[in-house]
Amino acid sequence: MSVRRFFRRCLALPAVAVLALLSIEAPAVAQSCSLSITPLAFGDIDVTANAQVDASATATVSCTGLAFSTVGVCLDLGPGSGGGTSAANRFMLNGANQLRYGLFSDASAGSPWGSDAWPGGSASPVGFNIVLSAGGSGSRSQTIFGRVYSSQATVAPLSYSSSFTGTDARIRYGLLSFLLGCNLLTNSQTTSFAVTANVPATCRVTTNNLSFGSFGVLSAQHDASTTLAPTCTNGTSYQIGLDGGLSGATNPTLRRMTKGAETVTYGLYRNAARTQAFGQTLGSDTLSATGNGVAQTATVYGRVPVQATPSPGLYSDTIVVSVTY
């Protein structure tokens, strides 16, 4: 009886050893990958400048598994909450207002970054391999390039965003090269990130000189006009003001052009009849308008009234134009 018990115990030992061996090797074969993506923030965008604005985010994939094994990874970027007609033509939103942008795998914005879960995006996911180290771990960072397009001058000054969650920000991975096909990578992991931009209210103005021309004596009034070109974001209310010139005139109709100590009095007006003075007192003698995102035209009417004629020569003044919005 004691001998049989001895053999039963000995025969049970190899089974325990096999189970122990399996429990040690199994975790080393299993793979696990995680994905993180930093926010893609364009910051403030002056759409009236009519220039593209670029920014970037970083996607990082970290994997563990069997030492020296190769993990194939495909990174999908879907349309995001703002949607889009393609991977190169997505939208950030604020209500019904849209700001167009695209996501790319290259800095020159030639390769749109899409997703197999978004056939309408007309672009593929980005694939790469990660070779795990002797310790069974490895990672790779991939830059996501974003571009907000020019020719959006009429976009309203608001904050815009699009959020990416679930399959919109997903990796698929497995012990196969991504070159064999992303759909063969059956494991997946998702993350979330946001694309944001702010369009601030902004204005600028370009000016043209006003020339009264040449005349002999000031026995009759002389009129002339010029134009200003204010550009303000769509829907932005603004006022244009003109200061008193180098003489610091407080009456907009009694400014002075000078030549040494001699002067020629003149006035600037907001209307062709020269009855509305053009000064810099907000809400009083300034010119008010609302921007539409593109250059508008504002006319400045000038008049040299009858006065004593000074000595011949060139008389001039400098006016500072301000836009308050």
Protein backbone atom coordinates (compact mmCIF):
# COMPACT_ATOMS: atom_id res chain seq x y z
CA MET A 1 0.00 0.00 0.00
CA SER A 2 2.76 2.42 0.82
CA VAL A 3 4.51 1.61 -2.50
CA ARG A 4 1.40 2.41 -4.59
CA ARG A 5 0.87 5.66 -2.79
CA PHE A 6 4.51 6.54 -3.57
CA PHE A 7 4.02 5.93 -7.32
CA ARG A 8 0.77 7.89 -7.47
CA ARG A 9 2.49 10.90 -6.02
CA CYS A 10 5.42 10.59 -8.45
CA LEU A 11 3.14 10.32 -11.49
CA ALA A 12 1.24 13.41 -10.43
CA LEU A 13 4.37 15.55 -10.37
CA PRO A 14 4.95 15.89 -14.18
CA ALA A 15 1.37 17.13 -14.67
CA VAL A 16 1.94 19.82 -12.06
CA ALA A 17 5.23 20.73 -13.77
CA VAL A 18 3.57 21.01 -17.21
CA LEU A 19 0.86 23.25 -15.81
CA ALA A 20 3.45 25.43 -14.17
CA LEU A 21 5.37 25.68 -17.44
CA LEU A 22 2.26 26.69 -19.38
CA SER A 23 1.36 29.34 -16.84
CA ILE A 24 4.80 30.89 -17.24
CA GLU A 25 4.94 30.93 -21.05
CA ALA A 26 1.39 32.05 -21.89
CA PRO A 27 1.74 35.75 -20.87
CA ALA A 28 4.97 36.05 -22.89
CA VAL A 29 3.13 35.10 -26.11
CA ALA A 30 0.13 37.40 -25.55
CA GLN A 31 0.24 40.85 -27.11
CA SER A 32 -1.15 44.11 -25.88
CA CYS A 33 -0.97 47.54 -27.51
CA SER A 34 -2.22 50.93 -26.35
CA LEU A 35 -2.81 54.19 -28.26
CA SER A 36 -2.61 57.81 -27.14
CA ILE A 37 -2.95 60.98 -29.25
CA THR A 38 -2.17 64.49 -28.10
CA PRO A 39 -4.64 67.32 -28.85
CA LEU A 40 -4.27 68.99 -32.24
CA ALA A 41 -4.64 72.71 -31.46
CA PHE A 42 -4.42 75.28 -34.25
CA GLY A 43 -4.72 78.19 -31.82
CA ASP A 44 -5.91 81.58 -33.08
CA ILE A 45 -6.53 81.81 -36.82
CA ASP A 46 -6.97 85.15 -38.57
CA VAL A 47 -9.14 84.00 -41.46
CA THR A 48 -9.09 87.48 -43.02
CA ALA A 49 -5.36 86.99 -43.72
CA ASN A 50 -6.38 84.34 -46.27
CA ALA A 51 -3.46 82.05 -45.38
CA GLN A 52 -3.31 78.35 -44.50
CA VAL A 53 -2.42 77.44 -40.92
CA ASP A 54 -0.62 74.20 -40.01
CA ALA A 55 -0.41 72.34 -36.69
CA SER A 56 0.36 68.80 -35.56
CA ALA A 57 -0.40 66.15 -32.96
CA THR A 58 1.51 63.05 -31.90
CA ALA A 59 0.08 59.52 -31.88
CA THR A 60 2.00 57.02 -29.72
CA VAL A 61 1.51 53.26 -29.88
CA SER A 62 3.07 51.13 -27.11
CA CYS A 63 3.09 47.32 -27.30
CA THR A 64 4.20 44.36 -25.17
CA GLY A 65 4.52 40.70 -26.13
CA LEU A 66 7.00 38.05 -27.16
CA ALA A 67 10.60 39.28 -27.26
CA PHE A 68 11.87 40.22 -30.75
CA SER A 69 8.46 39.66 -32.32
CA THR A 70 7.05 42.07 -34.91
CA VAL A 71 3.72 43.72 -34.25
CA GLY A 72 1.84 45.12 -37.24
CA VAL A 73 -0.18 48.26 -36.49
CA CYS A 74 -2.74 50.22 -38.55
CA LEU A 75 -3.91 53.60 -37.21
CA ASP A 76 -7.38 54.73 -38.33
CA LEU A 77 -8.54 58.36 -38.18
CA GLY A 78 -12.24 58.73 -38.95
CA PRO A 79 -14.26 61.87 -39.70
CA GLY A 80 -14.56 63.03 -36.09
CA SER A 81 -17.65 64.67 -34.64
CA GLY A 82 -17.40 67.52 -37.15
CA GLY A 83 -17.64 65.15 -40.11
CA GLY A 84 -16.21 65.81 -43.53
CA THR A 85 -16.56 65.02 -47.20
CA SER A 86 -13.13 63.34 -47.25
CA ALA A 87 -10.04 62.87 -45.10
CA ALA A 88 -8.59 66.01 -46.70
CA ASN A 89 -11.79 68.02 -46.24
CA ARG A 90 -13.02 67.73 -42.65
CA PHE A 91 -14.92 70.22 -40.52
CA MET A 92 -14.56 71.75 -37.10
CA LEU A 93 -17.89 73.07 -35.91
CA ASN A 94 -19.54 75.66 -33.73
CA GLY A 95 -23.24 75.10 -34.14
CA ALA A 96 -23.97 75.38 -37.86
CA ASN A 97 -20.70 77.25 -38.50
CA GLN A 98 -17.87 75.28 -40.15
CA LEU A 99 -14.10 75.64 -40.42
CA ARG A 100 -12.47 73.39 -43.05
CA TYR A 101 -9.29 71.43 -42.39
CA GLY A 102 -7.55 68.17 -43.30
CA LEU A 103 -5.43 65.52 -41.56
CA PHE A 104 -2.33 64.14 -43.25
CA SER A 105 0.59 61.79 -42.68
CA ASP A 106 3.10 64.22 -44.23
CA ALA A 107 4.02 67.83 -43.54
CA SER A 108 3.33 68.87 -47.13
CA ALA A 109 -0.31 67.73 -46.79
CA GLY A 110 -0.06 65.42 -49.78
CA SER A 111 -1.17 62.17 -48.12
CA PRO A 112 -4.58 62.37 -46.38
CA TRP A 113 -4.99 60.18 -43.29
CA GLY A 114 -8.14 58.08 -43.36
CA SER A 115 -9.78 54.99 -41.94
CA ASP A 116 -11.07 51.68 -43.24
CA ALA A 117 -14.16 52.36 -41.12
CA TRP A 118 -14.83 55.52 -43.20
CA PRO A 119 -15.11 54.55 -46.88
CA GLY A 120 -16.28 58.06 -47.73
CA GLY A 121 -13.00 59.45 -46.47
CA SER A 122 -11.28 58.25 -49.65
CA ALA A 123 -8.00 57.65 -47.79
CA SER A 124 -6.29 54.74 -46.07
CA PRO A 125 -5.12 54.35 -42.48
CA VAL A 126 -1.42 54.65 -41.73
CA GLY A 127 0.40 51.36 -41.07
CA PHE A 128 3.74 50.52 -39.49
CA ASN A 129 5.57 47.71 -37.69
CA ILE A 130 6.91 47.71 -34.14
CA VAL A 131 9.70 45.26 -33.30
CA LEU A 132 9.63 44.35 -29.63
CA SER A 133 12.85 44.41 -27.62
CA ALA A 134 14.48 41.59 -25.66
CA GLY A 135 12.31 42.67 -22.77
CA GLY A 136 9.18 42.22 -24.88
CA SER A 137 8.19 45.87 -25.29
CA GLY A 138 8.31 48.54 -27.98
CA SER A 139 6.68 51.79 -29.08
CA ARG A 140 6.43 54.18 -31.98
CA SER A 141 5.32 57.79 -32.33
CA GLN A 142 3.69 59.07 -35.49
CA THR A 143 3.06 62.75 -36.31
CA ILE A 144 -0.43 63.73 -37.44
CA PHE A 145 -0.26 66.86 -39.58
CA GLY A 146 -3.26 69.18 -39.70
CA ARG A 147 -3.99 72.04 -42.06
CA VAL A 148 -6.68 74.72 -41.89
CA TYR A 149 -7.18 75.99 -45.42
CA SER A 150 -7.04 79.52 -46.76
CA SER A 151 -9.99 81.09 -48.61
CA GLN A 152 -12.25 80.95 -45.54
CA ALA A 153 -12.40 84.70 -44.95
CA THR A 154 -16.15 84.74 -44.28
CA VAL A 155 -15.98 82.27 -41.38
CA ALA A 156 -17.53 83.74 -38.23
CA PRO A 157 -15.28 84.59 -35.26
CA LEU A 158 -15.96 81.64 -32.93
CA SER A 159 -14.22 78.68 -31.31
CA TYR A 160 -14.34 75.52 -33.43
CA SER A 161 -13.72 71.86 -32.58
CA SER A 162 -14.10 68.24 -33.65
CA SER A 163 -13.73 65.32 -31.22
CA PHE A 164 -12.38 61.88 -32.10
CA THR A 165 -13.47 58.82 -30.10
CA GLY A 166 -14.07 55.11 -30.71
CA THR A 167 -13.33 53.98 -34.27
CA ASP A 168 -12.46 57.58 -35.19
CA ALA A 169 -9.18 57.14 -33.26
CA ARG A 170 -8.33 53.44 -33.41
CA ILE A 171 -5.44 51.04 -33.90
CA ARG A 172 -5.69 47.49 -35.17
CA TYR A 173 -2.71 45.28 -34.42
CA GLY A 174 -1.41 41.72 -34.45
CA LEU A 175 1.57 39.41 -35.10
CA LEU A 176 1.52 40.16 -38.83
CA SER A 177 3.09 42.90 -40.89
CA PHE A 178 0.63 45.67 -41.73
CA LEU A 179 1.75 45.18 -45.34
CA LEU A 180 -0.30 41.96 -45.43
CA GLY A 181 -3.47 44.02 -44.91
CA CYS A 182 -4.96 45.99 -42.05
CA ASN A 183 -8.07 43.82 -42.00
CA LEU A 184 -5.95 40.82 -40.94
CA LEU A 185 -5.05 42.63 -37.70
CA THR A 186 -7.87 41.52 -35.45
CA ASN A 187 -6.97 43.19 -32.14
CA SER A 188 -8.00 46.79 -31.62
CA GLN A 189 -7.66 49.64 -29.18
CA THR A 190 -9.16 53.14 -29.21
CA THR A 191 -8.45 56.50 -27.66
CA SER A 192 -9.83 60.04 -27.85
CA PHE A 193 -8.46 63.45 -28.78
CA ALA A 194 -9.75 66.80 -30.06
CA VAL A 195 -8.97 69.12 -32.95
CA THR A 196 -9.55 72.77 -32.02
CA ALA A 197 -9.16 76.26 -33.48
CA ASN A 198 -10.22 79.75 -32.47
CA VAL A 199 -11.17 82.45 -34.95
CA PRO A 200 -10.90 85.77 -33.08
CA ALA A 201 -12.62 88.96 -34.13
CA THR A 202 -10.01 90.99 -35.97
CA CYS A 203 -9.70 94.03 -38.22
CA ARG A 204 -7.07 95.67 -40.39
CA VAL A 205 -7.11 98.63 -42.74
CA THR A 206 -5.12 99.75 -45.74
CA THR A 207 -4.97 103.40 -46.78
CA ASN A 208 -4.47 105.60 -49.82
CA ASN A 209 -3.12 109.13 -49.87
CA LEU A 210 -5.41 112.08 -50.41
CA SER A 211 -4.12 114.68 -52.88
CA PHE A 212 -5.83 118.03 -53.41
CA GLY A 213 -3.64 118.68 -56.46
CA SER A 214 -2.10 121.99 -57.41
CA PHE A 215 -3.81 125.37 -57.47
CA GLY A 216 -2.68 129.00 -57.42
CA VAL A 217 -4.79 130.89 -54.91
CA LEU A 218 -7.32 129.77 -52.28
CA SER A 219 -10.11 132.05 -53.39
CA ALA A 220 -12.42 129.03 -53.95
CA GLN A 221 -12.85 125.75 -52.11
CA HIS A 222 -11.08 122.67 -53.45
CA ASP A 223 -12.44 119.16 -52.95
CA ALA A 224 -10.81 115.75 -53.23
CA SER A 225 -11.39 112.24 -51.88
CA THR A 226 -9.64 108.97 -51.21
CA THR A 227 -10.57 105.52 -49.99
CA LEU A 228 -9.72 103.26 -47.09
CA ALA A 229 -10.02 99.47 -47.21
CA PRO A 230 -11.01 98.02 -43.82
CA THR A 231 -11.12 94.21 -43.49
CA CYS A 232 -12.87 92.72 -40.46
CA THR A 233 -14.08 89.23 -39.63
CA ASN A 234 -17.59 88.39 -40.71
CA GLY A 235 -20.23 89.97 -38.47
CA THR A 236 -17.75 92.14 -36.54
CA SER A 237 -18.96 95.68 -35.89
CA TYR A 238 -16.29 98.35 -36.16
CA GLN A 239 -15.71 102.10 -36.25
CA ILE A 240 -13.08 103.94 -38.30
CA GLY A 241 -11.57 107.06 -36.78
CA LEU A 242 -9.16 109.71 -38.10
CA ASP A 243 -6.96 111.65 -35.70
CA GLY A 244 -6.23 115.39 -35.81
CA GLY A 245 -3.06 115.07 -37.85
CA LEU A 246 0.38 116.41 -36.96
CA SER A 247 -1.12 119.64 -35.65
CA GLY A 248 -3.37 117.73 -33.23
CA ALA A 249 -6.52 119.47 -34.46
CA THR A 250 -9.53 118.86 -32.25
CA ASN A 251 -11.97 120.02 -34.93
CA PRO A 252 -11.93 117.53 -37.86
CA THR A 253 -12.87 120.34 -40.27
CA LEU A 254 -9.94 122.52 -39.23
CA ARG A 255 -6.92 120.30 -39.73
CA ARG A 256 -3.73 121.89 -41.06
CA MET A 257 -1.26 120.98 -43.76
CA THR A 258 2.08 122.63 -43.14
CA LYS A 259 5.18 123.89 -44.92
CA GLY A 260 7.57 125.12 -42.25
CA ALA A 261 5.60 127.62 -40.17
CA GLU A 262 2.98 128.20 -42.86
CA THR A 263 -0.27 126.27 -43.01
CA VAL A 264 -3.24 125.43 -45.20
CA THR A 265 -6.46 124.62 -43.38
CA TYR A 266 -8.51 121.66 -44.59
CA GLY A 267 -11.27 119.32 -43.36
CA LEU A 268 -12.11 115.62 -43.68
CA TYR A 269 -15.68 114.35 -43.93
CA ARG A 270 -17.70 111.13 -44.03
CA ASN A 271 -20.13 112.19 -46.78
CA ALA A 272 -19.83 113.72 -50.23
CA ALA A 273 -21.74 116.84 -49.20
CA ARG A 274 -19.00 117.52 -46.62
CA THR A 275 -21.56 118.03 -43.84
CA GLN A 276 -20.46 115.12 -41.57
CA ALA A 277 -17.03 115.65 -40.05
CA PHE A 278 -14.67 112.66 -39.91
CA GLY A 279 -12.93 112.51 -36.53
CA GLN A 280 -12.10 109.93 -33.86
CA THR A 281 -14.83 110.34 -31.23
CA LEU A 282 -16.49 106.92 -31.12
CA GLY A 283 -20.19 106.94 -31.84
CA SER A 284 -20.05 110.60 -32.80
CA ASP A 285 -17.91 111.49 -35.82
CA THR A 286 -16.48 108.08 -36.74
CA LEU A 287 -17.62 105.83 -39.58
CA SER A 288 -19.45 102.66 -38.44
CA ALA A 289 -19.87 99.41 -40.37
CA THR A 290 -19.98 95.62 -40.02
CA GLY A 291 -17.30 93.38 -41.47
CA ASN A 292 -17.97 90.56 -43.93
CA GLY A 293 -14.51 88.96 -43.90
CA VAL A 294 -13.22 90.67 -47.04
CA ALA A 295 -11.94 94.17 -47.79
CA GLN A 296 -14.64 96.84 -47.81
CA THR A 297 -14.42 100.41 -49.07
CA ALA A 298 -14.77 103.55 -46.96
CA THR A 299 -14.50 106.97 -48.64
CA VAL A 300 -12.83 109.97 -47.02
CA TYR A 301 -13.95 113.32 -48.46
CA GLY A 302 -11.59 116.27 -48.16
CA ARG A 303 -12.10 120.01 -48.57
CA VAL A 304 -9.76 122.99 -48.58
CA PRO A 305 -11.99 126.02 -47.79
CA VAL A 306 -11.45 129.60 -48.94
CA GLN A 307 -8.61 131.20 -46.98
CA ALA A 308 -5.61 133.43 -47.28
CA THR A 309 -3.09 131.96 -49.67
CA PRO A 310 0.33 131.19 -48.15
CA SER A 311 3.57 131.11 -50.11
CA PRO A 312 3.90 128.52 -52.91
CA GLY A 313 5.18 125.07 -52.03
CA LEU A 314 4.19 121.59 -50.95
CA TYR A 315 1.92 121.45 -47.91
CA SER A 316 1.23 118.11 -46.20
CA ASP A 317 -0.14 116.40 -43.14
CA THR A 318 -0.19 112.84 -41.77
CA ILE A 319 -3.38 111.25 -40.47
CA VAL A 320 -3.51 108.16 -38.29
CA VAL A 321 -6.40 105.82 -39.16
CA SER A 322 -7.73 103.64 -36.33
CA VAL A 323 -10.22 100.78 -36.41
CA THR A 324 -12.06 100.04 -33.18
CA TYR A 325 -14.01 96.76 -32.95
